Structures are given as C-alpha cells and as structure tokens.
Amino acid sequence: MTKERFEEILEEMKDLHNRKNNDYAGEDYLSNLKMCEAMDIPAWKGVVIRMTDKMARLMNLAKSNDLVAKETVKDTFLDMGIYSGMGLIAYEEFLSGDRKDQFSRGSKPAKTRNTRRKRSIIETPKPHNPSGQEGLAETR
C-alpha cells in the first residue's frame, strides 16, 4: 500500500461521510448517534454497537465469496473507518464532560451483565399458588 492510496481512501471516506451526514444528522453532527442516550447508553458505545453490525456484515460477505459483493465489501470498510472517527469524537465529548452529564442526573447507565441470581441444581422453584392459601396449590 502506498501513502498516496491511503490518502485517496481517506478522501473517499470524507466524501461518503459528507453525503451520508446530510441524510442522517443534519445540523447536529452526531444527532443520530446520540439517540441511544435516551436509553442511558453513551453515544460512543452506540457507535461500538453499530461497528459490530458492520463487522458481522463484513464477515458474512467474506464467507459468501460473492464476486458481486466486492463493492459492498469496500463500502463496509469505508463505513467502519467513518464510524471509527465519529466514535472517537463521541468518546472525546464523553470524557470532556460535554456528554457525560447526560448520565449523572440520577439516571443509571445501562447494565452490561445479567445480575440475576443463579439457582443451584438442588434448589427447585416453588409452585405458583394464585389463591394465596397454603396447601391448595395444584401439583401435577
């Protein structure tokens, strides 16, 4: 790869981004990416989720060996590069406090792990007794 080709790719990404940004974001540069903040997910983490979608698409295209899909592979790589840049901007805003305050007003960030208590093998659930009276629950 030559330096010139890399710079050409950066220009392609810039052109593609500018075209798509008009369709998605409008005046607020990252507005479509910030929508996940309504669910207490920082915008930069929303970008990570979108990038995993792009990676899944790229992996499926790589498995298909479809020669027609070469243009789609190129587009997906360009999209991932664009998301990387926008994700970095969103992350920097988050760290600087410009967006961090969205999550400090009493709202809790989204949980990333299942915190339910696991049952042991010996423990069995109690049968549901809708009548509330002891001993009257039906068992089968």
Protein backbone atom coordinates (compact mmCIF):
# COMPACT_ATOMS: atom_id res chain seq x y z
CA MET A 1 0.00 0.00 0.00
CA THR A 2 1.29 3.40 -0.86
CA LYS A 3 0.81 6.55 1.16
CA GLU A 4 -0.99 8.10 -1.79
CA ARG A 5 -3.56 5.29 -1.91
CA PHE A 6 -4.21 5.63 1.82
CA GLU A 7 -4.82 9.36 1.38
CA GLU A 8 -7.20 8.59 -1.52
CA ILE A 9 -9.12 6.24 0.77
CA LEU A 10 -9.33 8.95 3.44
CA GLU A 11 -10.76 11.31 0.80
CA GLU A 12 -13.33 8.66 -0.24
CA MET A 13 -14.31 8.27 3.40
CA LYS A 14 -14.65 12.03 3.77
CA ASP A 15 -16.83 12.31 0.66
CA LEU A 16 -19.02 9.36 1.68
CA HIS A 17 -19.36 10.73 5.20
CA ASN A 18 -20.38 14.17 3.98
CA ARG A 19 -23.05 12.70 1.69
CA LYS A 20 -24.48 10.42 4.38
CA ASN A 21 -24.26 13.03 7.14
CA ASN A 22 -26.72 15.23 5.28
CA ASP A 23 -29.19 12.32 5.21
CA TYR A 24 -28.81 11.25 8.84
CA ALA A 25 -27.62 14.02 11.12
CA GLY A 26 -28.47 17.43 9.72
CA GLU A 27 -27.21 20.36 11.78
CA ASP A 28 -26.23 18.41 14.92
CA TYR A 29 -23.26 16.45 13.66
CA LEU A 30 -23.76 13.32 15.77
CA SER A 31 -27.51 13.60 16.37
CA ASN A 32 -28.39 10.16 15.01
CA LEU A 33 -25.64 8.57 17.10
CA LYS A 34 -26.75 10.43 20.23
CA MET A 35 -30.24 8.93 20.05
CA CYS A 36 -29.09 5.97 22.15
CA GLU A 37 -28.55 8.40 25.03
CA ALA A 38 -32.33 8.38 25.52
CA MET A 39 -31.77 4.82 26.81
CA ASP A 40 -28.81 5.83 29.02
CA ILE A 41 -26.23 4.48 26.57
CA PRO A 42 -23.40 6.91 25.78
CA ALA A 43 -23.14 7.79 22.08
CA TRP A 44 -19.66 6.32 21.78
CA LYS A 45 -20.96 2.94 22.97
CA GLY A 46 -23.78 3.22 20.44
CA VAL A 47 -21.11 3.61 17.75
CA VAL A 48 -19.42 0.43 19.00
CA ILE A 49 -22.72 -1.42 18.55
CA ARG A 50 -23.07 -0.10 15.00
CA MET A 51 -19.50 -1.14 14.25
CA THR A 52 -20.23 -4.70 15.39
CA ASP A 53 -23.12 -4.74 12.88
CA LYS A 54 -20.69 -3.66 10.15
CA MET A 55 -18.21 -6.33 11.23
CA ALA A 56 -20.91 -9.01 11.10
CA ARG A 57 -21.85 -7.83 7.61
CA LEU A 58 -18.21 -7.91 6.53
CA MET A 59 -17.76 -11.43 7.92
CA ASN A 60 -20.86 -12.66 6.07
CA LEU A 61 -19.61 -11.11 2.83
CA ALA A 62 -16.20 -12.72 3.33
CA LYS A 63 -17.83 -16.15 3.79
CA SER A 64 -20.05 -15.80 0.73
CA ASN A 65 -17.19 -15.46 -1.79
CA ASP A 66 -19.64 -13.49 -3.93
CA LEU A 67 -17.70 -11.58 -6.58
CA VAL A 68 -20.55 -9.09 -6.98
CA ALA A 69 -20.18 -8.17 -3.32
CA LYS A 70 -16.72 -6.62 -3.77
CA GLU A 71 -18.23 -3.15 -3.93
CA THR A 72 -20.21 -3.91 -0.76
CA VAL A 73 -17.02 -5.06 0.99
CA LYS A 74 -15.38 -1.77 0.04
CA ASP A 75 -18.38 0.23 1.28
CA THR A 76 -18.40 -1.66 4.56
CA PHE A 77 -14.70 -0.97 5.16
CA LEU A 78 -15.28 2.71 4.40
CA ASP A 79 -18.26 2.80 6.77
CA MET A 80 -16.20 1.23 9.56
CA GLY A 81 -13.50 3.86 9.10
CA ILE A 82 -16.10 6.62 9.26
CA TYR A 83 -17.68 5.11 12.38
CA SER A 84 -14.23 4.93 13.98
CA GLY A 85 -13.74 8.65 13.53
CA MET A 86 -17.23 9.56 14.72
CA GLY A 87 -16.91 7.17 17.67
CA LEU A 88 -13.67 8.84 18.69
CA ILE A 89 -15.35 12.26 18.59
CA ALA A 90 -18.27 10.97 20.70
CA TYR A 91 -15.82 9.36 23.14
CA GLU A 92 -13.80 12.57 23.47
CA GLU A 93 -17.02 14.52 24.12
CA PHE A 94 -17.98 11.96 26.76
CA LEU A 95 -14.59 12.22 28.51
CA SER A 96 -14.56 16.00 28.38
CA GLY A 97 -17.88 16.16 30.18
CA ASP A 98 -19.79 17.56 27.20
CA ARG A 99 -21.91 14.40 27.14
CA LYS A 100 -21.02 12.81 30.49
CA ASP A 101 -23.61 14.97 32.27
CA GLN A 102 -26.31 13.11 30.35
CA PHE A 103 -25.66 10.16 32.65
CA SER A 104 -25.07 11.84 36.01
CA ARG A 105 -28.51 13.34 36.67
CA GLY A 106 -29.72 10.41 38.73
CA SER A 107 -30.04 8.05 35.80
CA LYS A 108 -28.14 4.83 35.89
CA PRO A 109 -26.10 3.62 32.93
CA ALA A 110 -27.41 0.57 31.12
CA LYS A 111 -26.39 -2.73 32.68
CA THR A 112 -23.96 -4.76 30.64
CA ARG A 113 -24.21 -8.01 32.58
CA ASN A 114 -27.04 -10.19 33.73
CA THR A 115 -27.05 -9.85 37.52
CA ARG A 116 -29.85 -12.32 38.28
CA ARG A 117 -29.08 -14.84 40.98
CA LYS A 118 -28.37 -18.27 39.57
CA ARG A 119 -30.26 -21.21 41.07
CA SER A 120 -28.33 -24.14 42.35
CA ILE A 121 -29.07 -27.60 40.97
CA ILE A 122 -30.62 -28.64 44.31
CA GLU A 123 -32.90 -25.61 44.58
CA THR A 124 -36.32 -26.06 42.95
CA PRO A 125 -38.86 -23.35 42.25
CA LYS A 126 -41.96 -23.23 44.43
CA PRO A 127 -45.25 -23.89 42.62
CA HIS A 128 -47.34 -20.84 41.89
CA ASN A 129 -50.33 -20.55 44.23
CA PRO A 130 -52.73 -17.91 42.86
CA SER A 131 -55.27 -18.40 45.69
CA GLY A 132 -52.71 -17.45 48.32
CA GLN A 133 -53.84 -20.29 50.62
CA GLU A 134 -51.30 -22.78 51.90
CA GLY A 135 -51.56 -26.32 50.63
CA LEU A 136 -54.17 -25.63 47.96
CA ALA A 137 -51.79 -25.24 45.02
CA GLU A 138 -52.34 -27.89 42.39
CA THR A 139 -49.39 -30.10 41.61
CA ARG A 140 -49.10 -32.39 38.63
